[in-house]
Amino acid sequence: MTAALATVTFSATAAQAADCSSGYVGLTYDDGPNPSNTTNL
Protein backbone atom coordinates (compact mmCIF):
# COMPACT_ATOMS: atom_id res chain seq x y z
CA MET A 1 0.00 0.00 0.00
CA THR A 2 1.26 3.48 -0.79
CA ALA A 3 0.28 6.77 0.75
CA ALA A 4 0.18 10.18 -0.86
CA LEU A 5 0.43 13.52 0.84
CA ALA A 6 -0.67 16.80 -0.67
CA THR A 7 -0.17 20.36 0.43
CA VAL A 8 -3.01 22.72 -0.30
CA THR A 9 -2.58 26.45 0.01
CA PHE A 10 -5.56 28.76 0.29
CA SER A 11 -5.47 32.49 -0.06
CA ALA A 12 -8.29 34.59 1.27
CA THR A 13 -9.23 38.17 0.77
CA ALA A 14 -11.17 40.36 3.14
CA ALA A 15 -14.94 40.25 2.80
CA GLN A 16 -16.57 43.26 1.25
CA ALA A 17 -20.13 44.49 1.18
CA ALA A 18 -21.87 44.02 -2.16
CA ASP A 19 -23.70 46.76 -4.00
CA CYS A 20 -27.34 45.65 -3.86
CA SER A 21 -28.79 48.89 -5.17
CA SER A 22 -30.27 47.12 -8.22
CA GLY A 23 -32.52 45.08 -5.92
CA TYR A 24 -30.98 41.66 -6.53
CA VAL A 25 -29.08 39.51 -4.08
CA GLY A 26 -27.61 36.11 -4.89
CA LEU A 27 -27.58 33.42 -2.21
CA THR A 28 -25.68 30.14 -2.32
CA TYR A 29 -25.57 27.14 -0.05
CA ASP A 30 -23.50 24.01 0.31
CA ASP A 31 -25.29 21.09 1.89
CA GLY A 32 -22.61 18.49 1.43
CA PRO A 33 -24.44 16.88 -0.49
CA ASN A 34 -26.41 14.93 2.05
CA PRO A 35 -29.21 12.62 0.80
CA SER A 36 -31.57 13.67 3.60
CA ASN A 37 -31.06 17.42 3.04
CA THR A 38 -30.45 17.84 -0.69
CA THR A 39 -33.94 16.83 -1.77
CA ASN A 40 -35.52 19.15 0.83
CA LEU A 41 -33.45 22.10 -0.32
PDB file of N, CA and C in Angstrom:
ATOM      1  N   MET A   1       0.847  -1.151   0.000  1.00  0.00           N
ATOM      2  CA  MET A   1       0.000   0.000   0.000  1.00  0.00           C
ATOM      3  C   MET A   1       0.908   1.235   0.000  1.00  0.00           C
ATOM      4  N   THR A   2       0.505   2.230  -0.762  1.00  0.00           N
ATOM      5  CA  THR A   2       1.258   3.484  -0.786  1.00  0.00           C
ATOM      6  C   THR A   2       0.384   4.607  -0.277  1.00  0.00           C
ATOM      7  N   ALA A   3       1.011   5.619   0.238  1.00  0.00           N
ATOM      8  CA  ALA A   3       0.277   6.772   0.753  1.00  0.00           C
ATOM      9  C   ALA A   3       0.755   8.014   0.017  1.00  0.00           C
ATOM     10  N   ALA A   4      -0.160   8.922  -0.192  1.00  0.00           N
ATOM     11  CA  ALA A   4       0.184  10.178  -0.862  1.00  0.00           C
ATOM     12  C   ALA A   4      -0.167  11.342   0.053  1.00  0.00           C
ATOM     13  N   LEU A   5       0.680  12.312   0.067  1.00  0.00           N
ATOM     14  CA  LEU A   5       0.429  13.516   0.841  1.00  0.00           C
ATOM     15  C   LEU A   5       0.345  14.694  -0.122  1.00  0.00           C
ATOM     16  N   ALA A   6      -0.531  15.614   0.167  1.00  0.00           N
ATOM     17  CA  ALA A   6      -0.673  16.802  -0.667  1.00  0.00           C
ATOM     18  C   ALA A   6      -0.687  18.029   0.225  1.00  0.00           C
ATOM     19  N   THR A   7      -0.118  19.087  -0.263  1.00  0.00           N
ATOM     20  CA  THR A   7      -0.166  20.362   0.435  1.00  0.00           C
ATOM     21  C   THR A   7      -1.081  21.284  -0.342  1.00  0.00           C
ATOM     22  N   VAL A   8      -2.065  21.820   0.332  1.00  0.00           N
ATOM     23  CA  VAL A   8      -3.014  22.721  -0.303  1.00  0.00           C
ATOM     24  C   VAL A   8      -2.852  24.091   0.336  1.00  0.00           C
ATOM     25  N   THR A   9      -2.721  25.093  -0.489  1.00  0.00           N
ATOM     26  CA  THR A   9      -2.579  26.450   0.008  1.00  0.00           C
ATOM     27  C   THR A   9      -3.789  27.262  -0.398  1.00  0.00           C
ATOM     28  N   PHE A  10      -4.407  27.911   0.548  1.00  0.00           N
ATOM     29  CA  PHE A  10      -5.562  28.764   0.288  1.00  0.00           C
ATOM     30  C   PHE A  10      -5.158  30.209   0.518  1.00  0.00           C
ATOM     31  N   SER A  11      -5.659  31.072  -0.314  1.00  0.00           N
ATOM     32  CA  SER A  11      -5.469  32.490  -0.057  1.00  0.00           C
ATOM     33  C   SER A  11      -6.847  33.120   0.067  1.00  0.00           C
ATOM     34  N   ALA A  12      -6.998  33.974   1.025  1.00  0.00           N
ATOM     35  CA  ALA A  12      -8.292  34.593   1.273  1.00  0.00           C
ATOM     36  C   ALA A  12      -8.154  36.103   1.219  1.00  0.00           C
ATOM     37  N   THR A  13      -9.199  36.718   0.768  1.00  0.00           N
ATOM     38  CA  THR A  13      -9.232  38.169   0.772  1.00  0.00           C
ATOM     39  C   THR A  13     -10.303  38.617   1.752  1.00  0.00           C
ATOM     40  N   ALA A  14     -10.201  39.831   2.186  1.00  0.00           N
ATOM     41  CA  ALA A  14     -11.168  40.365   3.138  1.00  0.00           C
ATOM     42  C   ALA A  14     -12.551  40.434   2.499  1.00  0.00           C
ATOM     43  N   ALA A  15     -13.560  40.160   3.282  1.00  0.00           N
ATOM     44  CA  ALA A  15     -14.944  40.246   2.799  1.00  0.00           C
ATOM     45  C   ALA A  15     -15.302  41.701   2.570  1.00  0.00           C
ATOM     46  N   GLN A  16     -16.129  41.916   1.558  1.00  0.00           N
ATOM     47  CA  GLN A  16     -16.568  43.259   1.246  1.00  0.00           C
ATOM     48  C   GLN A  16     -18.073  43.258   1.050  1.00  0.00           C
ATOM     49  N   ALA A  17     -18.695  44.356   1.381  1.00  0.00           N
ATOM     50  CA  ALA A  17     -20.132  44.491   1.183  1.00  0.00           C
ATOM     51  C   ALA A  17     -20.420  44.606  -0.308  1.00  0.00           C
ATOM     52  N   ALA A  18     -21.475  43.970  -0.752  1.00  0.00           N
ATOM     53  CA  ALA A  18     -21.870  44.018  -2.156  1.00  0.00           C
ATOM     54  C   ALA A  18     -22.797  45.192  -2.398  1.00  0.00           C
ATOM     55  N   ASP A  19     -22.777  45.697  -3.614  1.00  0.00           N
ATOM     56  CA  ASP A  19     -23.696  46.761  -4.002  1.00  0.00           C
ATOM     57  C   ASP A  19     -25.017  46.124  -4.416  1.00  0.00           C
ATOM     58  N   CYS A  20     -26.034  46.250  -3.600  1.00  0.00           N
ATOM     59  CA  CYS A  20     -27.343  45.649  -3.861  1.00  0.00           C
ATOM     60  C   CYS A  20     -28.357  46.696  -4.298  1.00  0.00           C
ATOM     61  N   SER A  21     -27.886  47.807  -4.819  1.00  0.00           N
ATOM     62  CA  SER A  21     -28.791  48.894  -5.168  1.00  0.00           C
ATOM     63  C   SER A  21     -29.722  48.540  -6.323  1.00  0.00           C
ATOM     64  N   SER A  22     -29.391  47.508  -7.110  1.00  0.00           N
ATOM     65  CA  SER A  22     -30.267  47.116  -8.215  1.00  0.00           C
ATOM     66  C   SER A  22     -31.434  46.248  -7.740  1.00  0.00           C
ATOM     67  N   GLY A  23     -31.406  45.845  -6.475  1.00  0.00           N
ATOM     68  CA  GLY A  23     -32.517  45.081  -5.919  1.00  0.00           C
ATOM     69  C   GLY A  23     -32.352  43.574  -5.990  1.00  0.00           C
ATOM     70  N   TYR A  24     -31.189  43.104  -6.425  1.00  0.00           N
ATOM     71  CA  TYR A  24     -30.980  41.664  -6.533  1.00  0.00           C
ATOM     72  C   TYR A  24     -29.870  41.230  -5.601  1.00  0.00           C
ATOM     73  N   VAL A  25     -30.090  40.096  -4.948  1.00  0.00           N
ATOM     74  CA  VAL A  25     -29.079  39.514  -4.077  1.00  0.00           C
ATOM     75  C   VAL A  25     -28.999  38.037  -4.421  1.00  0.00           C
ATOM     76  N   GLY A  26     -27.801  37.532  -4.604  1.00  0.00           N
ATOM     77  CA  GLY A  26     -27.608  36.107  -4.889  1.00  0.00           C
ATOM     78  C   GLY A  26     -27.225  35.365  -3.624  1.00  0.00           C
ATOM     79  N   LEU A  27     -27.875  34.252  -3.375  1.00  0.00           N
ATOM     80  CA  LEU A  27     -27.575  33.423  -2.209  1.00  0.00           C
ATOM     81  C   LEU A  27     -27.119  32.056  -2.685  1.00  0.00           C
ATOM     82  N   THR A  28     -26.135  31.490  -2.011  1.00  0.00           N
ATOM     83  CA  THR A  28     -25.682  30.145  -2.323  1.00  0.00           C
ATOM     84  C   THR A  28     -25.682  29.320  -1.038  1.00  0.00           C
ATOM     85  N   TYR A  29     -25.666  28.029  -1.200  1.00  0.00           N
ATOM     86  CA  TYR A  29     -25.571  27.144  -0.048  1.00  0.00           C
ATOM     87  C   TYR A  29     -24.770  25.922  -0.446  1.00  0.00           C
ATOM     88  N   ASP A  30     -24.222  25.255   0.524  1.00  0.00           N
ATOM     89  CA  ASP A  30     -23.500  24.010   0.312  1.00  0.00           C
ATOM     90  C   ASP A  30     -23.983  23.037   1.370  1.00  0.00           C
ATOM     91  N   ASP A  31     -24.723  22.037   0.929  1.00  0.00           N
ATOM     92  CA  ASP A  31     -25.292  21.087   1.892  1.00  0.00           C
ATOM     93  C   ASP A  31     -24.500  19.799   1.967  1.00  0.00           C
ATOM     94  N   GLY A  32     -23.448  19.671   1.243  1.00  0.00           N
ATOM     95  CA  GLY A  32     -22.614  18.494   1.426  1.00  0.00           C
ATOM     96  C   GLY A  32     -22.207  17.756   0.173  1.00  0.00           C
ATOM     97  N   PRO A  33     -23.011  17.139  -0.606  1.00  0.00           N
ATOM     98  CA  PRO A  33     -24.444  16.875  -0.491  1.00  0.00           C
ATOM     99  C   PRO A  33     -24.756  15.795   0.542  1.00  0.00           C
ATOM    100  N   ASN A  34     -25.933  15.875   1.050  1.00  0.00           N
ATOM    101  CA  ASN A  34     -26.414  14.931   2.047  1.00  0.00           C
ATOM    102  C   ASN A  34     -27.782  14.444   1.564  1.00  0.00           C
ATOM    103  N   PRO A  35     -27.945  13.143   1.358  1.00  0.00           N
ATOM    104  CA  PRO A  35     -29.206  12.622   0.802  1.00  0.00           C
ATOM    105  C   PRO A  35     -30.465  13.077   1.549  1.00  0.00           C
ATOM    106  N   SER A  36     -30.371  13.275   2.855  1.00  0.00           N
ATOM    107  CA  SER A  36     -31.570  13.667   3.597  1.00  0.00           C
ATOM    108  C   SER A  36     -31.852  15.163   3.488  1.00  0.00           C
ATOM    109  N   ASN A  37     -30.850  15.986   3.146  1.00  0.00           N
ATOM    110  CA  ASN A  37     -31.062  17.421   3.040  1.00  0.00           C
ATOM    111  C   ASN A  37     -31.205  17.929   1.620  1.00  0.00           C
ATOM    112  N   THR A  38     -30.476  17.334   0.674  1.00  0.00           N
ATOM    113  CA  THR A  38     -30.448  17.838  -0.688  1.00  0.00           C
ATOM    114  C   THR A  38     -31.828  17.877  -1.309  1.00  0.00           C
ATOM    115  N   THR A  39     -32.610  16.849  -1.168  1.00  0.00           N
ATOM    116  CA  THR A  39     -33.941  16.834  -1.766  1.00  0.00           C
ATOM    117  C   THR A  39     -34.858  17.875  -1.138  1.00  0.00           C
ATOM    118  N   ASN A  40     -34.710  18.133   0.164  1.00  0.00           N
ATOM    119  CA  ASN A  40     -35.524  19.153   0.827  1.00  0.00           C
ATOM    120  C   ASN A  40     -35.159  20.556   0.350  1.00  0.00           C
ATOM    121  N   LEU A  41     -33.880  20.777   0.118  1.00  0.00           N
ATOM    122  CA  LEU A  41     -33.451  22.099  -0.323  1.00  0.00           C
ATOM    123  C   LEU A  41     -33.906  22.360  -1.731  1.00  0.00           C
TER     124      LEU A  41
END
